[in-house]
Amino acid sequence: MAKNKGSKGSKTWTIFSTVAALGAAALARKALDKGWQVSTRRRPPENPADPDVQLWEAVAWSAATGAAVAIARMFAQRRAANYYVKSAGHLPPQLAKD
């Protein structure tokens, strides 16, 4: 029975952390889009791989997007883990220390 309980906690954490990460990524992308428009007075490239997009713009947009989304996801998952610990009293199985 303990295995089933751990499995449920694992599924709960997976869903919870995924939703938090996706929400954070969407918010980061929206903020980045707006910041790009304000700073460059241009719309961000829709597809940086498009040869019509200038190389500097493609590289800058890809780097900024990758970094912003990764950082936002990390912060969201850390907050989700803190909430999980407060709710369940222990770390999620995927984050449990050895």
N, C-alpha and C. Protein backbone atom coordinates (compact mmCIF):
# COMPACT_ATOMS: atom_id res chain seq x y z
N MET A 1 0.82 -1.20 0.00
CA MET A 1 0.00 0.00 0.00
C MET A 1 0.86 1.26 0.00
N ALA A 2 2.02 1.23 0.63
CA ALA A 2 2.91 2.39 0.67
C ALA A 2 3.38 2.76 -0.73
N LYS A 3 3.57 1.73 -1.59
CA LYS A 3 4.01 2.00 -2.95
C LYS A 3 2.94 2.79 -3.70
N ASN A 4 1.68 2.45 -3.53
CA ASN A 4 0.59 3.15 -4.18
C ASN A 4 0.51 4.60 -3.73
N LYS A 5 0.72 4.83 -2.43
CA LYS A 5 0.69 6.19 -1.90
C LYS A 5 1.80 7.02 -2.52
N GLY A 6 3.00 6.47 -2.63
CA GLY A 6 4.12 7.16 -3.25
C GLY A 6 3.86 7.44 -4.72
N SER A 7 3.22 6.49 -5.37
CA SER A 7 2.90 6.66 -6.78
C SER A 7 1.92 7.81 -6.99
N LYS A 8 0.94 7.92 -6.09
CA LYS A 8 -0.02 9.02 -6.19
C LYS A 8 0.67 10.36 -5.97
N GLY A 9 1.57 10.41 -4.97
CA GLY A 9 2.32 11.64 -4.72
C GLY A 9 3.18 12.00 -5.91
N SER A 10 3.76 11.00 -6.56
CA SER A 10 4.60 11.22 -7.72
C SER A 10 3.78 11.81 -8.87
N LYS A 11 2.59 11.26 -9.10
CA LYS A 11 1.73 11.77 -10.16
C LYS A 11 1.26 13.18 -9.85
N THR A 12 0.92 13.42 -8.60
CA THR A 12 0.49 14.75 -8.18
C THR A 12 1.60 15.75 -8.42
N TRP A 13 2.81 15.42 -8.00
CA TRP A 13 3.95 16.32 -8.19
C TRP A 13 4.21 16.56 -9.68
N THR A 14 4.16 15.51 -10.48
CA THR A 14 4.41 15.66 -11.91
C THR A 14 3.43 16.62 -12.54
N ILE A 15 2.15 16.46 -12.22
CA ILE A 15 1.13 17.35 -12.77
C ILE A 15 1.32 18.77 -12.24
N PHE A 16 1.52 18.90 -10.94
CA PHE A 16 1.66 20.20 -10.30
C PHE A 16 2.87 20.96 -10.85
N SER A 17 4.01 20.29 -10.94
CA SER A 17 5.22 20.96 -11.41
C SER A 17 5.13 21.29 -12.90
N THR A 18 4.48 20.44 -13.67
CA THR A 18 4.32 20.69 -15.10
C THR A 18 3.44 21.91 -15.35
N VAL A 19 2.32 21.99 -14.62
CA VAL A 19 1.43 23.14 -14.77
C VAL A 19 2.14 24.43 -14.35
N ALA A 20 2.87 24.38 -13.25
CA ALA A 20 3.62 25.56 -12.79
C ALA A 20 4.66 25.97 -13.83
N ALA A 21 5.38 25.01 -14.37
CA ALA A 21 6.42 25.32 -15.35
C ALA A 21 5.83 25.89 -16.64
N LEU A 22 4.74 25.31 -17.10
CA LEU A 22 4.11 25.82 -18.33
C LEU A 22 3.56 27.23 -18.13
N GLY A 23 2.95 27.47 -16.99
CA GLY A 23 2.44 28.81 -16.70
C GLY A 23 3.56 29.82 -16.63
N ALA A 24 4.64 29.46 -15.96
CA ALA A 24 5.79 30.37 -15.84
C ALA A 24 6.41 30.64 -17.20
N ALA A 25 6.52 29.61 -18.02
CA ALA A 25 7.10 29.78 -19.36
C ALA A 25 6.24 30.71 -20.20
N ALA A 26 4.92 30.56 -20.11
CA ALA A 26 4.02 31.43 -20.88
C ALA A 26 4.13 32.88 -20.42
N LEU A 27 4.19 33.09 -19.11
CA LEU A 27 4.34 34.45 -18.59
C LEU A 27 5.69 35.06 -18.98
N ALA A 28 6.74 34.26 -18.91
CA ALA A 28 8.08 34.75 -19.28
C ALA A 28 8.10 35.13 -20.75
N ARG A 29 7.50 34.31 -21.57
CA ARG A 29 7.47 34.58 -23.02
C ARG A 29 6.69 35.87 -23.31
N LYS A 30 5.57 36.05 -22.62
CA LYS A 30 4.77 37.25 -22.82
C LYS A 30 5.56 38.50 -22.40
N ALA A 31 6.22 38.43 -21.25
CA ALA A 31 7.02 39.56 -20.77
C ALA A 31 8.20 39.82 -21.72
N LEU A 32 8.81 38.75 -22.21
CA LEU A 32 9.93 38.90 -23.12
C LEU A 32 9.49 39.52 -24.44
N ASP A 33 8.34 39.09 -24.95
CA ASP A 33 7.80 39.69 -26.18
C ASP A 33 7.64 41.20 -26.01
N LYS A 34 7.04 41.59 -24.91
CA LYS A 34 6.80 43.01 -24.65
C LYS A 34 8.13 43.76 -24.49
N GLY A 35 9.04 43.21 -23.73
CA GLY A 35 10.35 43.83 -23.54
C GLY A 35 11.11 43.99 -24.86
N TRP A 36 11.01 42.99 -25.71
CA TRP A 36 11.67 43.04 -27.02
C TRP A 36 11.08 44.18 -27.84
N GLN A 37 9.76 44.29 -27.85
CA GLN A 37 9.10 45.33 -28.63
C GLN A 37 9.48 46.72 -28.12
N VAL A 38 9.55 46.88 -26.80
CA VAL A 38 9.90 48.18 -26.23
C VAL A 38 11.35 48.53 -26.54
N SER A 39 12.25 47.58 -26.40
CA SER A 39 13.68 47.88 -26.56
C SER A 39 14.11 47.99 -28.02
N THR A 40 13.50 47.21 -28.92
CA THR A 40 13.93 47.24 -30.32
C THR A 40 12.96 47.98 -31.23
N ARG A 41 11.78 48.27 -30.71
CA ARG A 41 10.71 48.89 -31.50
C ARG A 41 10.32 48.02 -32.70
N ARG A 42 10.52 46.71 -32.52
CA ARG A 42 10.16 45.73 -33.56
C ARG A 42 9.49 44.55 -32.88
N ARG A 43 8.71 43.84 -33.65
CA ARG A 43 8.12 42.60 -33.13
C ARG A 43 9.21 41.54 -33.05
N PRO A 44 9.13 40.66 -32.06
CA PRO A 44 10.13 39.59 -31.99
C PRO A 44 9.98 38.66 -33.19
N PRO A 45 11.07 38.04 -33.61
CA PRO A 45 10.98 37.14 -34.75
C PRO A 45 10.08 35.94 -34.42
N GLU A 46 9.19 35.62 -35.35
CA GLU A 46 8.30 34.46 -35.13
C GLU A 46 9.07 33.16 -35.28
N ASN A 47 10.03 33.15 -36.20
CA ASN A 47 10.83 31.95 -36.42
C ASN A 47 12.29 32.38 -36.64
N PRO A 48 13.11 32.29 -35.59
CA PRO A 48 14.50 32.72 -35.73
C PRO A 48 15.29 31.95 -36.80
N ALA A 49 14.83 30.78 -37.20
CA ALA A 49 15.52 30.00 -38.22
C ALA A 49 15.23 30.51 -39.63
N ASP A 50 14.27 31.40 -39.77
CA ASP A 50 13.92 31.97 -41.07
C ASP A 50 15.11 32.76 -41.61
N PRO A 51 15.58 32.47 -42.82
CA PRO A 51 16.73 33.19 -43.37
C PRO A 51 16.48 34.70 -43.54
N ASP A 52 15.23 35.12 -43.57
CA ASP A 52 14.93 36.54 -43.70
C ASP A 52 15.13 37.31 -42.39
N VAL A 53 15.25 36.59 -41.29
CA VAL A 53 15.51 37.23 -39.99
C VAL A 53 17.01 37.47 -39.90
N GLN A 54 17.39 38.68 -39.50
CA GLN A 54 18.81 39.00 -39.38
C GLN A 54 19.46 38.08 -38.33
N LEU A 55 20.70 37.70 -38.60
CA LEU A 55 21.39 36.75 -37.72
C LEU A 55 21.48 37.26 -36.29
N TRP A 56 21.85 38.52 -36.09
CA TRP A 56 21.98 39.07 -34.74
C TRP A 56 20.66 38.99 -34.00
N GLU A 57 19.57 39.24 -34.73
CA GLU A 57 18.25 39.22 -34.11
C GLU A 57 17.85 37.78 -33.74
N ALA A 58 18.15 36.85 -34.62
CA ALA A 58 17.82 35.44 -34.37
C ALA A 58 18.60 34.92 -33.16
N VAL A 59 19.89 35.24 -33.09
CA VAL A 59 20.71 34.77 -31.97
C VAL A 59 20.27 35.42 -30.67
N ALA A 60 20.06 36.73 -30.69
CA ALA A 60 19.65 37.44 -29.47
C ALA A 60 18.29 36.94 -28.99
N TRP A 61 17.35 36.78 -29.88
CA TRP A 61 16.02 36.33 -29.50
C TRP A 61 16.06 34.91 -28.94
N SER A 62 16.80 34.03 -29.60
CA SER A 62 16.90 32.64 -29.13
C SER A 62 17.55 32.55 -27.75
N ALA A 63 18.63 33.30 -27.56
CA ALA A 63 19.32 33.28 -26.27
C ALA A 63 18.44 33.87 -25.17
N ALA A 64 17.81 34.98 -25.46
CA ALA A 64 16.95 35.62 -24.45
C ALA A 64 15.76 34.73 -24.10
N THR A 65 15.14 34.17 -25.11
CA THR A 65 13.98 33.30 -24.87
C THR A 65 14.38 32.06 -24.08
N GLY A 66 15.45 31.41 -24.50
CA GLY A 66 15.89 30.21 -23.80
C GLY A 66 16.21 30.47 -22.34
N ALA A 67 16.96 31.53 -22.09
CA ALA A 67 17.34 31.85 -20.71
C ALA A 67 16.13 32.25 -19.88
N ALA A 68 15.29 33.12 -20.41
CA ALA A 68 14.14 33.60 -19.64
C ALA A 68 13.18 32.47 -19.30
N VAL A 69 12.89 31.62 -20.26
CA VAL A 69 11.96 30.52 -20.03
C VAL A 69 12.56 29.51 -19.05
N ALA A 70 13.82 29.18 -19.20
CA ALA A 70 14.46 28.22 -18.28
C ALA A 70 14.47 28.75 -16.85
N ILE A 71 14.80 30.02 -16.67
CA ILE A 71 14.83 30.60 -15.32
C ILE A 71 13.43 30.67 -14.73
N ALA A 72 12.45 31.07 -15.53
CA ALA A 72 11.07 31.14 -15.04
C ALA A 72 10.57 29.75 -14.62
N ARG A 73 10.86 28.73 -15.42
CA ARG A 73 10.45 27.37 -15.09
C ARG A 73 11.12 26.89 -13.81
N MET A 74 12.40 27.20 -13.65
CA MET A 74 13.12 26.78 -12.45
C MET A 74 12.51 27.42 -11.20
N PHE A 75 12.24 28.74 -11.26
CA PHE A 75 11.64 29.40 -10.11
C PHE A 75 10.24 28.84 -9.82
N ALA A 76 9.46 28.60 -10.85
CA ALA A 76 8.11 28.05 -10.65
C ALA A 76 8.17 26.66 -10.03
N GLN A 77 9.09 25.83 -10.48
CA GLN A 77 9.19 24.49 -9.93
C GLN A 77 9.71 24.51 -8.50
N ARG A 78 10.58 25.45 -8.18
CA ARG A 78 11.04 25.58 -6.78
C ARG A 78 9.89 25.99 -5.88
N ARG A 79 9.07 26.94 -6.35
CA ARG A 79 7.92 27.36 -5.55
C ARG A 79 6.91 26.22 -5.42
N ALA A 80 6.73 25.47 -6.49
CA ALA A 80 5.83 24.32 -6.45
C ALA A 80 6.35 23.28 -5.46
N ALA A 81 7.66 23.06 -5.43
CA ALA A 81 8.24 22.11 -4.49
C ALA A 81 8.04 22.58 -3.05
N ASN A 82 8.22 23.88 -2.80
CA ASN A 82 7.98 24.41 -1.45
C ASN A 82 6.53 24.20 -1.04
N TYR A 83 5.60 24.44 -1.95
CA TYR A 83 4.18 24.24 -1.66
C TYR A 83 3.90 22.76 -1.40
N TYR A 84 4.52 21.89 -2.19
CA TYR A 84 4.33 20.45 -2.01
C TYR A 84 4.82 20.02 -0.64
N VAL A 85 5.98 20.53 -0.24
CA VAL A 85 6.53 20.18 1.08
C VAL A 85 5.59 20.64 2.19
N LYS A 86 5.05 21.85 2.06
CA LYS A 86 4.11 22.34 3.08
C LYS A 86 2.84 21.51 3.12
N SER A 87 2.40 21.04 1.96
CA SER A 87 1.17 20.25 1.90
C SER A 87 1.36 18.80 2.32
N ALA A 88 2.44 18.18 1.83
CA ALA A 88 2.64 16.75 2.05
C ALA A 88 3.59 16.44 3.21
N GLY A 89 4.40 17.42 3.59
CA GLY A 89 5.34 17.21 4.67
C GLY A 89 6.66 16.60 4.26
N HIS A 90 6.86 16.42 2.97
CA HIS A 90 8.12 15.86 2.46
C HIS A 90 8.32 16.33 1.03
N LEU A 91 9.56 16.19 0.56
CA LEU A 91 9.84 16.53 -0.83
C LEU A 91 9.13 15.57 -1.77
N PRO A 92 8.84 16.02 -2.97
CA PRO A 92 8.30 15.09 -3.98
C PRO A 92 9.32 13.98 -4.23
N PRO A 93 8.85 12.79 -4.60
CA PRO A 93 9.77 11.67 -4.80
C PRO A 93 10.90 11.99 -5.78
N GLN A 94 10.62 12.78 -6.82
CA GLN A 94 11.63 13.10 -7.83
C GLN A 94 12.70 14.03 -7.27
N LEU A 95 12.42 14.73 -6.20
CA LEU A 95 13.38 15.67 -5.62
C LEU A 95 13.98 15.18 -4.32
N ALA A 96 13.55 14.03 -3.84
CA ALA A 96 14.05 13.51 -2.57
C ALA A 96 15.56 13.32 -2.62
N LYS A 97 16.20 13.70 -1.55
CA LYS A 97 17.66 13.57 -1.48
C LYS A 97 18.01 12.12 -1.24
N ASP A 98 19.20 11.74 -1.74
CA ASP A 98 19.68 10.37 -1.55
C ASP A 98 19.99 10.11 -0.10
